[in-house]
Amino acid sequence: MADANEWNLTAEQVARYHEQGFLALESFISADEVARMRAIYDRLFADRAGRTAGDQFDLAGADEDDGEARLPQILKPSQYAPELLRSETVARVRTVLTALLGPTATMGGDHAINKPPRHGAETPWHQDEAYWDPAYTYRSLSIWIPLQEATVDNGCMQFIPGSHRGEVLPHRQIGGDSRVHGLEVVPGTIDVSAAVACPLPPGGATIHTNRTVHYASANHSDDHRRAYIVGGGAPREPVAVPREYPWRAGQQTTARAQRARSATRTEG
């Protein structure tokens, strides 16, 4: 595994992250690491790893077993391929967490999103914190790593600068469809005219905060758009004033949630 001390963010990059709520890096992991990560990634999706446990599902569709997924996702891929945690990637992630959030920050979960060629769905505008327990406050980030070139045409990340300074916006299940696990900001809530697209070469990365509003377009290219994402943060703290995220209740009735509950009962 690479020595994390061989690589670090500059003071200017740290300042830009805190000002804008996101940061784009042209180079985050080596070409050899991209090839290794991509082989693991493709194997996990080919094997439909985590499907029965509710960890593999269609983020943007009805998630039917006999249907073609529009936006396949695997939660906790490192649970199904532990070698992901013994990597240059993880060394770099830990370096970023310390640089941006301080010494108490630790790595959290990982996930992988695969937009199929020519019809992979968009990832609508949303904030990561909208998926989380509203009883806590968070100081967290996500690191998004493309395993091939990421372009506007195939679904690179796009961000609204400064949006991390606001509150968690109203969300709903994508398209208002109760079968869909993924979330989107309620249409008409935000102005996206100032959005910044971040195309990257393979092995680059974007980093964004838990409240930064972000998006990725549909994949119109002839190749899969592969992205490996790792999160982490400082310890969460209870909120002073209770909050409610009513959209989270709808997520509990999706096919993905039902598989996850069934798997938990079986394990128990």
Protein backbone atom coordinates (compact mmCIF):
# COMPACT_ATOMS: atom_id res chain seq x y z
CA MET A 1 0.00 0.00 0.00
CA ALA A 2 1.27 3.45 -0.85
CA ASP A 3 2.57 5.68 1.90
CA ALA A 4 -0.06 8.37 2.56
CA ASN A 5 2.74 10.81 3.38
CA GLU A 6 3.83 10.73 -0.26
CA TRP A 7 0.71 12.67 -1.24
CA ASN A 8 -1.31 15.46 0.36
CA LEU A 9 -3.58 18.39 -0.39
CA THR A 10 -2.11 21.86 -0.70
CA ALA A 11 -3.19 24.75 1.54
CA GLU A 12 -4.89 26.34 -1.48
CA GLN A 13 -6.88 23.17 -2.16
CA VAL A 14 -8.00 22.94 1.46
CA ALA A 15 -9.14 26.58 1.40
CA ARG A 16 -11.02 26.06 -1.89
CA TYR A 17 -12.83 23.01 -0.51
CA HIS A 18 -14.09 24.90 2.53
CA GLU A 19 -15.09 27.94 0.44
CA GLN A 20 -16.83 26.12 -2.41
CA GLY A 21 -18.03 22.97 -0.65
CA PHE A 22 -16.26 20.76 -3.19
CA LEU A 23 -12.86 20.15 -4.75
CA ALA A 24 -11.80 18.49 -8.01
CA LEU A 25 -8.44 16.73 -8.29
CA GLU A 26 -6.99 15.74 -11.66
CA SER A 27 -4.89 12.99 -10.04
CA PHE A 28 -5.80 11.07 -6.90
CA ILE A 29 -4.71 7.45 -7.52
CA SER A 30 -2.22 5.91 -9.94
CA ALA A 31 -2.99 4.24 -13.26
CA ASP A 32 -2.05 0.85 -11.77
CA GLU A 33 -4.45 1.41 -8.91
CA VAL A 34 -7.23 2.40 -11.32
CA ALA A 35 -6.75 -0.88 -13.21
CA ARG A 36 -6.79 -2.92 -10.00
CA MET A 37 -9.86 -1.15 -8.61
CA ARG A 38 -11.69 -1.42 -11.94
CA ALA A 39 -11.18 -5.19 -12.12
CA ILE A 40 -12.64 -5.62 -8.63
CA TYR A 41 -15.49 -3.22 -9.42
CA ASP A 42 -16.49 -4.98 -12.65
CA ARG A 43 -16.42 -8.37 -10.92
CA LEU A 44 -18.72 -7.20 -8.13
CA PHE A 45 -21.32 -5.83 -10.54
CA ALA A 46 -21.11 -8.92 -12.79
CA ASP A 47 -21.73 -11.11 -9.71
CA ARG A 48 -24.53 -8.81 -8.47
CA ALA A 49 -22.76 -8.77 -5.12
CA GLY A 50 -24.99 -7.88 -2.20
CA ARG A 51 -28.27 -8.25 -4.10
CA THR A 52 -30.01 -10.54 -1.61
CA ALA A 53 -28.87 -8.41 1.34
CA GLY A 54 -30.30 -5.21 -0.16
CA ASP A 55 -26.82 -3.78 -0.74
CA GLN A 56 -27.07 -4.05 -4.55
CA PHE A 57 -30.06 -2.26 -6.05
CA ASP A 58 -31.31 0.15 -8.70
CA LEU A 59 -30.96 3.62 -7.21
CA ALA A 60 -33.17 5.30 -9.83
CA GLY A 61 -35.68 2.60 -10.76
CA ALA A 62 -38.26 0.22 -9.32
CA ASP A 63 -35.51 -2.34 -8.57
CA GLU A 64 -37.37 -5.34 -9.94
CA ASP A 65 -35.42 -8.61 -10.03
CA ASP A 66 -36.25 -9.30 -13.67
CA GLY A 67 -35.81 -5.70 -14.86
CA GLU A 68 -32.70 -3.95 -16.19
CA ALA A 69 -31.34 -1.51 -13.62
CA ARG A 70 -31.15 2.13 -14.70
CA LEU A 71 -28.64 3.12 -12.03
CA PRO A 72 -27.07 0.06 -10.34
CA GLN A 73 -25.44 0.68 -6.98
CA ILE A 74 -23.60 -1.50 -4.46
CA LEU A 75 -23.43 -0.39 -0.85
CA LYS A 76 -20.39 -1.50 1.16
CA PRO A 77 -18.54 -3.14 -1.76
CA SER A 78 -15.53 -3.60 0.54
CA GLN A 79 -17.65 -6.05 2.52
CA TYR A 80 -17.76 -8.24 -0.59
CA ALA A 81 -14.18 -7.48 -1.70
CA PRO A 82 -12.11 -6.77 1.45
CA GLU A 83 -9.02 -6.16 -0.69
CA LEU A 84 -10.52 -2.74 -1.47
CA LEU A 85 -9.49 -1.69 2.05
CA ARG A 86 -5.86 -2.65 1.47
CA SER A 87 -5.12 -0.10 -1.20
CA GLU A 88 -3.48 3.12 -2.26
CA THR A 89 -7.02 4.51 -2.48
CA VAL A 90 -7.72 4.06 1.22
CA ALA A 91 -4.36 5.60 2.18
CA ARG A 92 -5.25 8.69 0.16
CA VAL A 93 -8.77 8.83 1.63
CA ARG A 94 -7.41 8.88 5.17
CA THR A 95 -4.98 11.66 4.26
CA VAL A 96 -7.84 13.76 2.85
CA LEU A 97 -10.02 13.20 5.92
CA THR A 98 -7.29 14.46 8.25
CA ALA A 99 -6.46 17.44 6.03
CA LEU A 100 -10.07 18.60 5.64
CA LEU A 101 -11.80 17.52 8.86
CA GLY A 102 -9.03 17.08 11.42
CA PRO A 103 -7.55 14.24 13.45
CA THR A 104 -10.89 12.90 14.78
CA ALA A 105 -12.18 12.12 11.29
CA THR A 106 -12.40 8.46 10.32
CA MET A 107 -13.31 6.58 7.18
CA GLY A 108 -16.94 5.52 6.90
CA GLY A 109 -18.74 3.47 4.29
CA ASP A 110 -18.04 2.99 0.60
CA HIS A 111 -20.29 2.43 -2.37
CA ALA A 112 -20.10 1.98 -6.12
CA ILE A 113 -22.40 3.40 -8.80
CA ASN A 114 -22.39 2.04 -12.35
CA LYS A 115 -24.19 3.94 -15.12
CA PRO A 116 -24.80 1.47 -18.00
CA PRO A 117 -23.79 2.52 -21.55
CA ARG A 118 -26.24 4.75 -23.44
CA HIS A 119 -29.08 4.47 -20.94
CA GLY A 120 -27.62 4.85 -17.45
CA ALA A 121 -29.92 7.25 -15.63
CA GLU A 122 -28.99 10.64 -14.26
CA THR A 123 -28.27 11.03 -10.55
CA PRO A 124 -30.59 13.95 -9.73
CA TRP A 125 -29.65 16.98 -7.65
CA HIS A 126 -29.44 15.99 -3.99
CA GLN A 127 -27.54 16.33 -0.72
CA ASP A 128 -25.98 13.26 0.90
CA GLU A 129 -27.20 14.25 4.36
CA ALA A 130 -30.81 13.89 3.17
CA TYR A 131 -30.26 10.10 3.40
CA TRP A 132 -29.05 10.23 7.01
CA ASP A 133 -30.62 10.31 10.49
CA PRO A 134 -31.90 13.86 11.15
CA ALA A 135 -31.35 13.43 14.90
CA TYR A 136 -27.65 14.26 14.39
CA THR A 137 -25.43 16.93 12.89
CA TYR A 138 -22.57 15.89 10.63
CA ARG A 139 -19.18 17.11 9.44
CA SER A 140 -18.54 14.62 6.69
CA LEU A 141 -17.33 14.31 3.12
CA SER A 142 -17.48 11.99 0.13
CA ILE A 143 -14.66 11.22 -2.28
CA TRP A 144 -15.85 10.24 -5.78
CA ILE A 145 -13.29 8.44 -7.97
CA PRO A 146 -13.95 7.67 -11.67
CA LEU A 147 -12.41 4.43 -12.96
CA GLN A 148 -12.50 5.66 -16.58
CA GLU A 149 -12.62 9.18 -17.99
CA ALA A 150 -15.56 11.12 -16.51
CA THR A 151 -17.17 13.60 -18.90
CA VAL A 152 -20.33 15.68 -19.04
CA ASP A 153 -21.57 13.17 -21.65
CA ASN A 154 -21.16 10.08 -19.44
CA GLY A 155 -21.99 11.54 -16.03
CA CYS A 156 -19.20 13.46 -14.33
CA MET A 157 -19.99 15.18 -11.05
CA GLN A 158 -21.55 18.65 -10.99
CA PHE A 159 -21.85 20.91 -7.93
CA ILE A 160 -23.51 24.14 -6.82
CA PRO A 161 -20.74 26.22 -5.21
CA GLY A 162 -21.49 27.42 -1.68
CA SER A 163 -24.59 25.24 -1.31
CA HIS A 164 -22.96 23.49 1.66
CA ARG A 165 -23.61 26.57 3.82
CA GLY A 166 -27.37 26.09 3.76
CA GLU A 167 -29.69 23.66 5.51
CA VAL A 168 -30.80 20.28 4.22
CA LEU A 169 -33.33 21.04 1.48
CA PRO A 170 -36.69 19.29 1.00
CA HIS A 171 -36.19 16.00 -0.86
CA ARG A 172 -38.43 13.32 -2.32
CA GLN A 173 -37.99 9.89 -3.88
CA ILE A 174 -36.78 10.31 -7.47
CA GLY A 175 -39.62 11.30 -9.76
CA GLY A 176 -42.03 11.16 -6.83
CA ASP A 177 -42.10 7.37 -7.33
CA SER A 178 -42.61 5.48 -4.06
CA ARG A 179 -40.83 2.41 -5.51
CA VAL A 180 -37.52 4.26 -5.94
CA HIS A 181 -34.93 4.34 -3.16
CA GLY A 182 -32.91 7.28 -4.51
CA LEU A 183 -33.66 10.87 -3.49
CA GLU A 184 -33.76 14.20 -5.31
CA VAL A 185 -34.21 17.79 -4.20
CA VAL A 186 -37.86 18.73 -4.70
CA PRO A 187 -38.05 20.32 -8.19
CA GLY A 188 -38.17 24.11 -8.12
CA THR A 189 -36.35 24.32 -4.78
CA ILE A 190 -32.91 25.24 -6.13
CA ASP A 191 -31.32 27.36 -8.84
CA VAL A 192 -28.82 25.23 -10.75
CA SER A 193 -27.68 27.94 -13.18
CA ALA A 194 -24.36 28.36 -11.32
CA ALA A 195 -23.56 24.63 -11.37
CA VAL A 196 -19.95 23.63 -12.05
CA ALA A 197 -19.21 20.42 -14.00
CA CYS A 198 -16.02 18.54 -13.06
CA PRO A 199 -14.80 16.29 -15.90
CA LEU A 200 -11.85 14.15 -14.80
CA PRO A 201 -9.35 11.62 -16.13
CA PRO A 202 -9.38 8.07 -14.72
CA GLY A 203 -8.11 8.12 -11.15
CA GLY A 204 -8.97 11.76 -10.49
CA ALA A 205 -11.42 12.59 -7.71
CA THR A 206 -14.00 15.05 -6.51
CA ILE A 207 -14.51 15.70 -2.81
CA HIS A 208 -17.69 17.29 -1.44
CA THR A 209 -19.33 17.97 1.91
CA ASN A 210 -22.43 16.26 3.27
CA ARG A 211 -24.60 19.30 2.36
CA THR A 212 -23.16 20.24 -1.02
CA VAL A 213 -25.88 19.95 -3.66
CA HIS A 214 -24.62 17.76 -6.51
CA TYR A 215 -25.67 15.92 -9.67
CA ALA A 216 -24.40 13.60 -12.41
CA SER A 217 -26.00 13.39 -15.85
CA ALA A 218 -27.18 10.28 -17.65
CA ASN A 219 -24.57 8.19 -19.46
CA HIS A 220 -24.80 8.78 -23.22
CA SER A 221 -21.47 7.08 -24.00
CA ASP A 222 -20.73 3.57 -25.25
CA ASP A 223 -18.96 2.47 -22.04
CA HIS A 224 -20.00 2.00 -18.42
CA ARG A 225 -19.45 5.01 -16.20
CA ARG A 226 -17.79 3.52 -13.14
CA ALA A 227 -17.47 5.48 -9.90
CA TYR A 228 -16.11 4.26 -6.56
CA ILE A 229 -17.09 6.47 -3.62
CA VAL A 230 -15.72 6.54 -0.08
CA GLY A 231 -17.14 8.60 2.77
CA GLY A 232 -15.94 9.62 6.18
CA GLY A 233 -16.20 12.29 8.81
CA ALA A 234 -15.76 13.58 12.31
CA PRO A 235 -17.96 12.07 15.06
CA ARG A 236 -21.61 13.05 14.65
CA GLU A 237 -23.39 15.02 17.38
CA PRO A 238 -27.06 15.18 18.48
CA VAL A 239 -29.01 18.14 17.11
CA ALA A 240 -30.17 20.86 19.48
CA VAL A 241 -33.51 21.27 17.69
CA PRO A 242 -35.32 18.15 16.42
CA ARG A 243 -35.68 17.79 12.63
CA GLU A 244 -37.79 15.53 10.44
CA TYR A 245 -37.05 14.18 6.98
CA PRO A 246 -40.45 12.84 5.87
CA TRP A 247 -38.99 11.47 2.63
CA ARG A 248 -37.05 8.82 4.58
CA ALA A 249 -40.29 7.05 5.54
CA GLY A 250 -41.01 6.31 1.89
CA GLN A 251 -37.63 4.66 1.48
CA GLN A 252 -38.58 2.04 4.06
CA THR A 253 -41.17 0.47 1.72
CA THR A 254 -38.98 0.01 -1.38
CA ALA A 255 -37.95 -3.41 -2.71
CA ARG A 256 -34.40 -2.70 -1.60
CA ALA A 257 -35.51 -2.00 2.00
CA GLN A 258 -37.62 -5.15 2.05
CA ARG A 259 -34.67 -7.31 0.94
CA ALA A 260 -32.46 -5.72 3.59
CA ARG A 261 -35.00 -6.45 6.35
CA SER A 262 -35.46 -10.02 5.14
CA ALA A 263 -31.67 -10.58 5.15
CA THR A 264 -31.42 -9.19 8.68
CA ARG A 265 -34.13 -11.56 9.93
CA THR A 266 -32.40 -14.50 8.27
CA GLU A 267 -29.05 -13.61 9.87
CA GLY A 268 -30.71 -13.22 13.25
